[in-house]
Amino acid sequence: MSAYESKVPRVLLTNDDGIDAPGLAVLEAVAAELAHEVWVVAPEHDQSGTSHSISLHSPLRVSRQGERRFGVTGTPGDCVVMGVRHLMREAPSLVLSGVNRGGNLGIETMFSGTVGAAMTGLLLGLPSFALSQVFTDRERVRWDTARTLAPGVIRQLLAIEHAAPTCLNINFPDVDAADAGPLTPTRQGVGLVRDIEVLPEVDPRGIAYHWLRFDRGPRENEADSETATVAAGRVSVTPLAFDRTDEATFARLAASLI
């Protein structure tokens, strides 16, 4: 059996949609093909939009929900730390986060708990992949596309040698698996988020409350961006790093201040 086909010793799964989310069930099925040992440590409730956050001011409670399966009252980042540093006797060979209900594209990756979990895995020195399934109709998410394509995509990426652990953001297009184009290296780009809106409401007792909502819409994205790539029906993979230095502004500051 080649390295491309062989299984890894153990994998840690998490997500931001919650431990009962359909995308996590998809990821568990995918991981069973890839690893001898599958661990799930996921939020007990939806933690979408929590980005890279970890809980420093409140305790974490863990509930055992099966063999090597745990729910955590915290963020996706908390789940990765709890899994790697506390629950697992041996470190995972790989951290997989997802499969997210909806794409994580462009600027939106900064807010994503799915991506935040994978970045936490990277911080702990582990190769980590975030996986998301793009949809057009929220009630008809093409989970079969991610389920069919993810094992091959992950094996293909694991077969590539890297000098250090990597964090990869993978998005599956909103097409049937048979119609999907090849795995394509992409850049983050700007994505589809244009603004964040505040939606005021009043509860039955006359007390105001507010919802926050992303305003999404068409934006100009380069051809090699993940947004343009999945729109063309291909699977995107973007390597992510912690350093977000704006090099152009740094150069202007250096010229003015030094």
C-alpha atoms as a PDB file:
ATOM      1  CA  MET A   1       0.000   0.000   0.000  1.00  0.00           C
ATOM      2  CA  SER A   2       1.415   3.387  -0.991  1.00  0.00           C
ATOM      3  CA  ALA A   3       1.747   6.390   1.342  1.00  0.00           C
ATOM      4  CA  TYR A   4      -1.027   8.001  -0.680  1.00  0.00           C
ATOM      5  CA  GLU A   5      -3.426   5.141   0.204  1.00  0.00           C
ATOM      6  CA  SER A   6      -2.296   4.220   3.723  1.00  0.00           C
ATOM      7  CA  LYS A   7      -4.151   5.284   6.850  1.00  0.00           C
ATOM      8  CA  VAL A   8      -2.774   7.720   9.430  1.00  0.00           C
ATOM      9  CA  PRO A   9      -2.597   6.477  13.054  1.00  0.00           C
ATOM     10  CA  ARG A  10      -5.185   8.858  14.524  1.00  0.00           C
ATOM     11  CA  VAL A  11      -7.144  11.952  13.592  1.00  0.00           C
ATOM     12  CA  LEU A  12      -8.954  14.567  15.693  1.00  0.00           C
ATOM     13  CA  LEU A  13     -12.242  15.946  14.376  1.00  0.00           C
ATOM     14  CA  THR A  14     -14.040  19.106  15.426  1.00  0.00           C
ATOM     15  CA  ASN A  15     -16.320  21.755  13.921  1.00  0.00           C
ATOM     16  CA  ASP A  16     -18.153  24.978  14.731  1.00  0.00           C
ATOM     17  CA  ASP A  17     -21.716  23.911  13.874  1.00  0.00           C
ATOM     18  CA  GLY A  18     -21.969  21.659  16.934  1.00  0.00           C
ATOM     19  CA  ILE A  19     -21.470  17.992  17.688  1.00  0.00           C
ATOM     20  CA  ASP A  20     -24.864  17.003  16.229  1.00  0.00           C
ATOM     21  CA  ALA A  21     -24.348  18.854  12.925  1.00  0.00           C
ATOM     22  CA  PRO A  22     -24.770  16.869   9.677  1.00  0.00           C
ATOM     23  CA  GLY A  23     -21.404  18.088   8.394  1.00  0.00           C
ATOM     24  CA  LEU A  24     -19.611  16.475  11.318  1.00  0.00           C
ATOM     25  CA  ALA A  25     -21.340  13.169  10.570  1.00  0.00           C
ATOM     26  CA  VAL A  26     -20.012  13.492   7.019  1.00  0.00           C
ATOM     27  CA  LEU A  27     -16.513  14.162   8.342  1.00  0.00           C
ATOM     28  CA  GLU A  28     -16.683  11.155  10.671  1.00  0.00           C
ATOM     29  CA  ALA A  29     -17.476   8.914   7.710  1.00  0.00           C
ATOM     30  CA  VAL A  30     -14.596  10.434   5.743  1.00  0.00           C
ATOM     31  CA  ALA A  31     -12.167  10.077   8.654  1.00  0.00           C
ATOM     32  CA  ALA A  32     -13.044   6.392   9.073  1.00  0.00           C
ATOM     33  CA  GLU A  33     -11.480   5.816   5.652  1.00  0.00           C
ATOM     34  CA  LEU A  34      -8.341   7.790   6.506  1.00  0.00           C
ATOM     35  CA  ALA A  35      -7.366   6.874  10.063  1.00  0.00           C
ATOM     36  CA  HIS A  36      -7.042   3.832  12.279  1.00  0.00           C
ATOM     37  CA  GLU A  37      -8.362   5.836  15.221  1.00  0.00           C
ATOM     38  CA  VAL A  38     -10.909   8.669  15.008  1.00  0.00           C
ATOM     39  CA  TRP A  39     -11.474  11.084  17.878  1.00  0.00           C
ATOM     40  CA  VAL A  40     -14.288  13.647  17.961  1.00  0.00           C
ATOM     41  CA  VAL A  41     -14.078  16.640  20.312  1.00  0.00           C
ATOM     42  CA  ALA A  42     -16.663  19.191  19.221  1.00  0.00           C
ATOM     43  CA  PRO A  43     -18.745  22.034  20.700  1.00  0.00           C
ATOM     44  CA  GLU A  44     -21.989  20.968  22.349  1.00  0.00           C
ATOM     45  CA  HIS A  45     -23.726  23.915  20.646  1.00  0.00           C
ATOM     46  CA  ASP A  46     -23.293  25.986  17.489  1.00  0.00           C
ATOM     47  CA  GLN A  47     -20.155  28.139  17.744  1.00  0.00           C
ATOM     48  CA  SER A  48     -20.188  29.722  14.286  1.00  0.00           C
ATOM     49  CA  GLY A  49     -18.360  33.048  14.095  1.00  0.00           C
ATOM     50  CA  THR A  50     -16.111  32.391  17.098  1.00  0.00           C
ATOM     51  CA  SER A  51     -12.957  32.542  14.973  1.00  0.00           C
ATOM     52  CA  HIS A  52      -9.758  31.572  16.835  1.00  0.00           C
ATOM     53  CA  SER A  53     -11.124  32.314  20.302  1.00  0.00           C
ATOM     54  CA  ILE A  54     -10.415  30.186  23.356  1.00  0.00           C
ATOM     55  CA  SER A  55     -12.130  30.402  26.741  1.00  0.00           C
ATOM     56  CA  LEU A  56      -9.949  32.101  29.346  1.00  0.00           C
ATOM     57  CA  HIS A  57     -12.647  33.421  31.694  1.00  0.00           C
ATOM     58  CA  SER A  58     -15.033  30.491  32.068  1.00  0.00           C
ATOM     59  CA  PRO A  59     -14.553  26.789  32.828  1.00  0.00           C
ATOM     60  CA  LEU A  60     -14.982  24.085  30.202  1.00  0.00           C
ATOM     61  CA  ARG A  61     -17.218  21.077  30.798  1.00  0.00           C
ATOM     62  CA  VAL A  62     -16.731  17.870  28.862  1.00  0.00           C
ATOM     63  CA  SER A  63     -19.400  15.222  28.234  1.00  0.00           C
ATOM     64  CA  ARG A  64     -18.527  11.755  26.924  1.00  0.00           C
ATOM     65  CA  GLN A  65     -20.877  10.953  24.042  1.00  0.00           C
ATOM     66  CA  GLY A  66     -19.387   7.677  22.874  1.00  0.00           C
ATOM     67  CA  GLU A  67     -16.087   5.918  22.379  1.00  0.00           C
ATOM     68  CA  ARG A  68     -13.486   8.604  21.610  1.00  0.00           C
ATOM     69  CA  ARG A  69     -16.362  11.113  21.218  1.00  0.00           C
ATOM     70  CA  PHE A  70     -16.731  14.171  23.447  1.00  0.00           C
ATOM     71  CA  GLY A  71     -18.812  17.346  23.601  1.00  0.00           C
ATOM     72  CA  VAL A  72     -17.291  20.527  25.050  1.00  0.00           C
ATOM     73  CA  THR A  73     -19.057  23.637  26.361  1.00  0.00           C
ATOM     74  CA  GLY A  74     -16.655  25.905  24.516  1.00  0.00           C
ATOM     75  CA  THR A  75     -15.351  27.115  21.193  1.00  0.00           C
ATOM     76  CA  PRO A  76     -13.857  25.048  18.381  1.00  0.00           C
ATOM     77  CA  GLY A  77     -10.413  26.241  19.498  1.00  0.00           C
ATOM     78  CA  ASP A  78     -11.173  25.023  23.026  1.00  0.00           C
ATOM     79  CA  CYS A  79     -12.106  21.644  21.581  1.00  0.00           C
ATOM     80  CA  VAL A  80      -8.802  21.245  19.776  1.00  0.00           C
ATOM     81  CA  VAL A  81      -6.808  22.165  22.870  1.00  0.00           C
ATOM     82  CA  MET A  82      -8.872  19.838  25.075  1.00  0.00           C
ATOM     83  CA  GLY A  83      -8.496  16.996  22.604  1.00  0.00           C
ATOM     84  CA  VAL A  84      -4.776  17.334  22.007  1.00  0.00           C
ATOM     85  CA  ARG A  85      -3.629  18.378  25.465  1.00  0.00           C
ATOM     86  CA  HIS A  86      -6.072  16.531  27.718  1.00  0.00           C
ATOM     87  CA  LEU A  87      -8.306  13.833  26.258  1.00  0.00           C
ATOM     88  CA  MET A  88      -6.009  12.054  23.802  1.00  0.00           C
ATOM     89  CA  ARG A  89      -3.183   9.969  25.201  1.00  0.00           C
ATOM     90  CA  GLU A  90      -1.195  10.413  21.986  1.00  0.00           C
ATOM     91  CA  ALA A  91      -1.214  13.429  19.699  1.00  0.00           C
ATOM     92  CA  PRO A  92      -3.235  13.143  16.483  1.00  0.00           C
ATOM     93  CA  SER A  93      -1.516  12.841  13.144  1.00  0.00           C
ATOM     94  CA  LEU A  94      -4.008  15.298  11.681  1.00  0.00           C
ATOM     95  CA  VAL A  95      -6.722  17.742  12.793  1.00  0.00           C
ATOM     96  CA  LEU A  96      -9.819  17.998  10.582  1.00  0.00           C
ATOM     97  CA  SER A  97     -12.414  20.722  11.164  1.00  0.00           C
ATOM     98  CA  GLY A  98     -15.823  20.699   9.491  1.00  0.00           C
ATOM     99  CA  VAL A  99     -17.500  19.902   7.278  1.00  0.00           C
ATOM    100  CA  ASN A 100     -18.896  23.419   7.625  1.00  0.00           C
ATOM    101  CA  ARG A 101     -22.399  24.183   6.395  1.00  0.00           C
ATOM    102  CA  GLY A 102     -21.471  26.868   3.873  1.00  0.00           C
ATOM    103  CA  GLY A 103     -18.250  28.118   2.348  1.00  0.00           C
ATOM    104  CA  ASN A 104     -15.437  29.772   4.241  1.00  0.00           C
ATOM    105  CA  LEU A 105     -14.193  32.153   1.594  1.00  0.00           C
ATOM    106  CA  GLY A 106     -12.048  35.265   1.648  1.00  0.00           C
ATOM    107  CA  ILE A 107     -12.412  37.670   4.558  1.00  0.00           C
ATOM    108  CA  GLU A 108     -14.998  35.381   6.137  1.00  0.00           C
ATOM    109  CA  THR A 109     -12.245  32.937   7.113  1.00  0.00           C
ATOM    110  CA  MET A 110     -11.140  35.503   9.745  1.00  0.00           C
ATOM    111  CA  PHE A 111     -14.439  35.000  11.596  1.00  0.00           C
ATOM    112  CA  SER A 112     -14.871  31.283  10.976  1.00  0.00           C
ATOM    113  CA  GLY A 113     -14.794  28.901  13.922  1.00  0.00           C
ATOM    114  CA  THR A 114     -14.129  26.076  11.463  1.00  0.00           C
ATOM    115  CA  VAL A 115     -10.959  27.756  10.267  1.00  0.00           C
ATOM    116  CA  GLY A 116     -10.158  28.944  13.798  1.00  0.00           C
ATOM    117  CA  ALA A 117     -10.103  25.349  15.027  1.00  0.00           C
ATOM    118  CA  ALA A 118      -7.692  24.365  12.266  1.00  0.00           C
ATOM    119  CA  MET A 119      -5.454  27.337  13.076  1.00  0.00           C
ATOM    120  CA  THR A 120      -5.450  26.259  16.717  1.00  0.00           C
ATOM    121  CA  GLY A 121      -4.249  22.847  15.582  1.00  0.00           C
ATOM    122  CA  LEU A 122      -1.472  24.580  13.657  1.00  0.00           C
ATOM    123  CA  LEU A 123      -0.526  26.531  16.790  1.00  0.00           C
ATOM    124  CA  LEU A 124      -0.129  23.186  18.563  1.00  0.00           C
ATOM    125  CA  GLY A 125       2.227  22.032  15.820  1.00  0.00           C
ATOM    126  CA  LEU A 126      -0.185  19.758  13.948  1.00  0.00           C
ATOM    127  CA  PRO A 127      -1.159  19.628  10.275  1.00  0.00           C
ATOM    128  CA  SER A 128      -4.743  20.879  10.199  1.00  0.00           C
ATOM    129  CA  PHE A 129      -7.382  21.092   7.474  1.00  0.00           C
ATOM    130  CA  ALA A 130     -10.628  23.111   7.520  1.00  0.00           C
ATOM    131  CA  LEU A 131     -13.330  21.717   5.220  1.00  0.00           C
ATOM    132  CA  SER A 132     -16.471  23.508   4.054  1.00  0.00           C
ATOM    133  CA  GLN A 133     -19.323  22.698   1.681  1.00  0.00           C
ATOM    134  CA  VAL A 134     -20.534  25.689  -0.332  1.00  0.00           C
ATOM    135  CA  PHE A 135     -24.298  25.885  -0.896  1.00  0.00           C
ATOM    136  CA  THR A 136     -26.799  28.016  -2.780  1.00  0.00           C
ATOM    137  CA  ASP A 137     -29.929  26.656  -1.091  1.00  0.00           C
ATOM    138  CA  ARG A 138     -29.478  26.279   2.681  1.00  0.00           C
ATOM    139  CA  GLU A 139     -32.091  23.516   2.764  1.00  0.00           C
ATOM    140  CA  ARG A 140     -30.348  21.495   0.025  1.00  0.00           C
ATOM    141  CA  VAL A 141     -26.686  21.359   0.964  1.00  0.00           C
ATOM    142  CA  ARG A 142     -24.745  18.943  -1.244  1.00  0.00           C
ATOM    143  CA  TRP A 143     -23.222  16.906   1.587  1.00  0.00           C
ATOM    144  CA  ASP A 144     -22.645  14.028  -0.853  1.00  0.00           C
ATOM    145  CA  THR A 145     -20.120  16.192  -2.707  1.00  0.00           C
ATOM    146  CA  ALA A 146     -17.934  16.632   0.367  1.00  0.00           C
ATOM    147  CA  ARG A 147     -18.480  13.014   1.415  1.00  0.00           C
ATOM    148  CA  THR A 148     -17.417  11.692  -1.981  1.00  0.00           C
ATOM    149  CA  LEU A 149     -14.498  14.014  -2.686  1.00  0.00           C
ATOM    150  CA  ALA A 150     -12.964  14.631   0.742  1.00  0.00           C
ATOM    151  CA  PRO A 151     -11.138  11.297   1.198  1.00  0.00           C
ATOM    152  CA  GLY A 152      -9.240  11.680  -2.059  1.00  0.00           C
ATOM    153  CA  VAL A 153      -8.590  15.386  -1.499  1.00  0.00           C
ATOM    154  CA  ILE A 154      -7.186  14.774   1.988  1.00  0.00           C
ATOM    155  CA  ARG A 155      -5.010  11.876   0.822  1.00  0.00           C
ATOM    156  CA  GLN A 156      -3.703  13.976  -2.045  1.00  0.00           C
ATOM    157  CA  LEU A 157      -2.756  16.791   0.323  1.00  0.00           C
ATOM    158  CA  LEU A 158      -1.194  14.460   2.897  1.00  0.00           C
ATOM    159  CA  ALA A 159       1.041  13.025   0.184  1.00  0.00           C
ATOM    160  CA  ILE A 160       2.672  16.443  -0.334  1.00  0.00           C
ATOM    161  CA  GLU A 161       5.754  16.933   1.832  1.00  0.00           C
ATOM    162  CA  HIS A 162       6.023  20.161   3.818  1.00  0.00           C
ATOM    163  CA  ALA A 163       8.926  21.581   5.795  1.00  0.00           C
ATOM    164  CA  ALA A 164       6.573  22.358   8.717  1.00  0.00           C
ATOM    165  CA  PRO A 165       2.943  21.661   9.690  1.00  0.00           C
ATOM    166  CA  THR A 166       0.430  23.489   7.518  1.00  0.00           C
ATOM    167  CA  CYS A 167      -3.126  24.788   7.824  1.00  0.00           C
ATOM    168  CA  LEU A 168      -5.196  24.305   4.685  1.00  0.00           C
ATOM    169  CA  ASN A 169      -8.640  25.782   4.004  1.00  0.00           C
ATOM    170  CA  ILE A 170     -10.619  23.506   1.663  1.00  0.00           C
ATOM    171  CA  ASN A 171     -13.925  24.440   0.028  1.00  0.00           C
ATOM    172  CA  PHE A 172     -16.101  22.054  -1.989  1.00  0.00           C
ATOM    173  CA  PRO A 173     -18.210  23.646  -4.752  1.00  0.00           C
ATOM    174  CA  ASP A 174     -21.990  23.596  -4.934  1.00  0.00           C
ATOM    175  CA  VAL A 175     -22.104  20.989  -7.698  1.00  0.00           C
ATOM    176  CA  ASP A 176     -22.505  17.219  -7.757  1.00  0.00           C
ATOM    177  CA  ALA A 177     -19.278  15.365  -7.036  1.00  0.00           C
ATOM    178  CA  ALA A 178     -19.169  13.956 -10.568  1.00  0.00           C
ATOM    179  CA  ASP A 179     -19.226  17.486 -11.987  1.00  0.00           C
ATOM    180  CA  ALA A 180     -16.598  18.984  -9.689  1.00  0.00           C
ATOM    181  CA  GLY A 181     -13.331  20.177 -11.152  1.00  0.00           C
ATOM    182  CA  PRO A 182      -9.895  19.286  -9.766  1.00  0.00           C
ATOM    183  CA  LEU A 183      -8.337  20.302  -6.483  1.00  0.00           C
ATOM    184  CA  THR A 184      -6.888  23.760  -7.167  1.00  0.00           C
ATOM    185  CA  PRO A 185      -4.409  25.818  -5.108  1.00  0.00           C
ATOM    186  CA  THR A 186      -5.941  29.209  -4.322  1.00  0.00           C
ATOM    187  CA  ARG A 187      -5.380  32.494  -2.553  1.00  0.00           C
ATOM    188  CA  GLN A 188      -7.772  33.821   0.073  1.00  0.00           C
ATOM    189  CA  GLY A 189      -9.049  36.829  -1.879  1.00  0.00           C
ATOM    190  CA  VAL A 190     -11.752  39.136  -0.546  1.00  0.00           C
ATOM    191  CA  GLY A 191     -14.638  36.687  -0.729  1.00  0.00           C
ATOM    192  CA  LEU A 192     -18.290  37.694  -0.548  1.00  0.00           C
ATOM    193  CA  VAL A 193     -18.623  39.609   2.754  1.00  0.00           C
ATOM    194  CA  ARG A 194     -19.330  43.307   2.142  1.00  0.00           C
ATOM    195  CA  ASP A 195     -20.412  44.483   5.591  1.00  0.00           C
ATOM    196  CA  ILE A 196     -21.836  43.442   8.971  1.00  0.00           C
ATOM    197  CA  GLU A 197     -25.397  44.550   9.691  1.00  0.00           C
ATOM    198  CA  VAL A 198     -27.206  45.098  13.002  1.00  0.00           C
ATOM    199  CA  LEU A 199     -30.827  43.936  12.986  1.00  0.00           C
ATOM    200  CA  PRO A 200     -32.789  45.458  15.924  1.00  0.00           C
ATOM    201  CA  GLU A 201     -35.815  43.571  17.261  1.00  0.00           C
ATOM    202  CA  VAL A 202     -38.135  43.823  20.266  1.00  0.00           C
ATOM    203  CA  ASP A 203     -39.108  40.789  22.361  1.00  0.00           C
ATOM    204  CA  PRO A 204     -42.677  40.132  23.652  1.00  0.00           C
ATOM    205  CA  ARG A 205     -41.856  42.014  26.876  1.00  0.00           C
ATOM    206  CA  GLY A 206     -40.901  45.134  24.946  1.00  0.00           C
ATOM    207  CA  ILE A 207     -37.165  44.760  25.518  1.00  0.00           C
ATOM    208  CA  ALA A 208     -34.841  45.462  22.600  1.00  0.00           C
ATOM    209  CA  TYR A 209     -32.414  42.853  21.312  1.00  0.00           C
ATOM    210  CA  HIS A 210     -30.164  42.698  18.268  1.00  0.00           C
ATOM    211  CA  TRP A 211     -28.904  40.208  15.704  1.00  0.00           C
ATOM    212  CA  LEU A 212     -25.667  40.600  13.748  1.00  0.00           C
ATOM    213  CA  ARG A 213     -25.617  39.399  10.163  1.00  0.00           C
ATOM    214  CA  PHE A 214     -23.039  39.312   7.396  1.00  0.00           C
ATOM    215  CA  ASP A 215     -24.027  41.225   4.293  1.00  0.00           C
ATOM    216  CA  ARG A 216     -22.806  39.037   1.423  1.00  0.00           C
ATOM    217  CA  GLY A 217     -22.844  39.752  -2.263  1.00  0.00           C
ATOM    218  CA  PRO A 218     -20.748  39.742  -5.418  1.00  0.00           C
ATOM    219  CA  ARG A 219     -17.299  41.290  -5.075  1.00  0.00           C
ATOM    220  CA  GLU A 220     -14.354  41.434  -7.404  1.00  0.00           C
ATOM    221  CA  ASN A 221     -12.179  38.389  -6.752  1.00  0.00           C
ATOM    222  CA  GLU A 222      -9.079  37.410  -8.679  1.00  0.00           C
ATOM    223  CA  ALA A 223      -9.201  34.287 -10.830  1.00  0.00           C
ATOM    224  CA  ASP A 224      -6.923  32.413  -8.416  1.00  0.00           C
ATOM    225  CA  SER A 225      -9.057  33.227  -5.349  1.00  0.00           C
ATOM    226  CA  GLU A 226     -10.985  30.517  -3.535  1.00  0.00           C
ATOM    227  CA  THR A 227     -14.271  32.345  -4.255  1.00  0.00           C
ATOM    228  CA  ALA A 228     -13.725  32.384  -8.008  1.00  0.00           C
ATOM    229  CA  THR A 229     -12.443  28.810  -7.979  1.00  0.00           C
ATOM    230  CA  VAL A 230     -15.453  27.264  -6.225  1.00  0.00           C
ATOM    231  CA  ALA A 231     -17.778  29.391  -8.356  1.00  0.00           C
ATOM    232  CA  ALA A 232     -16.170  27.683 -11.355  1.00  0.00           C
ATOM    233  CA  GLY A 233     -16.997  24.290  -9.831  1.00  0.00           C
ATOM    234  CA  ARG A 234     -13.532  23.337  -8.612  1.00  0.00           C
ATOM    235  CA  VAL A 235     -12.323  22.328  -5.151  1.00  0.00           C
ATOM    236  CA  SER A 236     -10.205  25.085  -3.611  1.00  0.00           C
ATOM    237  CA  VAL A 237      -7.333  24.716  -1.148  1.00  0.00           C
ATOM    238  CA  THR A 238      -5.734  27.788   0.432  1.00  0.00           C
ATOM    239  CA  PRO A 239      -2.690  27.590   2.716  1.00  0.00           C
ATOM    240  CA  LEU A 240      -3.136  29.830   5.761  1.00  0.00           C
ATOM    241  CA  ALA A 241      -0.602  31.365   8.145  1.00  0.00           C
ATOM    242  CA  PHE A 242      -0.707  33.405  11.360  1.00  0.00           C
ATOM    243  CA  ASP A 243       1.310  36.356  10.026  1.00  0.00           C
ATOM    244  CA  ARG A 244      -1.208  38.874   8.641  1.00  0.00           C
ATOM    245  CA  THR A 245       1.227  41.756   8.212  1.00  0.00           C
ATOM    246  CA  ASP A 246       0.129  44.237   5.537  1.00  0.00           C
ATOM    247  CA  GLU A 247       3.434  44.498   3.672  1.00  0.00           C
ATOM    248  CA  ALA A 248       2.498  47.595   1.645  1.00  0.00           C
ATOM    249  CA  THR A 249       1.508  49.558   4.760  1.00  0.00           C
ATOM    250  CA  PHE A 250       4.568  48.249   6.610  1.00  0.00           C
ATOM    251  CA  ALA A 251       6.776  49.637   3.844  1.00  0.00           C
ATOM    252  CA  ARG A 252       5.094  53.064   4.049  1.00  0.00           C
ATOM    253  CA  LEU A 253       5.422  53.109   7.837  1.00  0.00           C
ATOM    254  CA  ALA A 254       9.062  52.116   7.624  1.00  0.00           C
ATOM    255  CA  ALA A 255       9.791  54.858   5.102  1.00  0.00           C
ATOM    256  CA  SER A 256       8.065  57.465   7.275  1.00  0.00           C
ATOM    257  CA  LEU A 257       9.044  56.429  10.789  1.00  0.00           C
ATOM    258  CA  ILE A 258      12.517  54.935  10.570  1.00  0.00           C
END
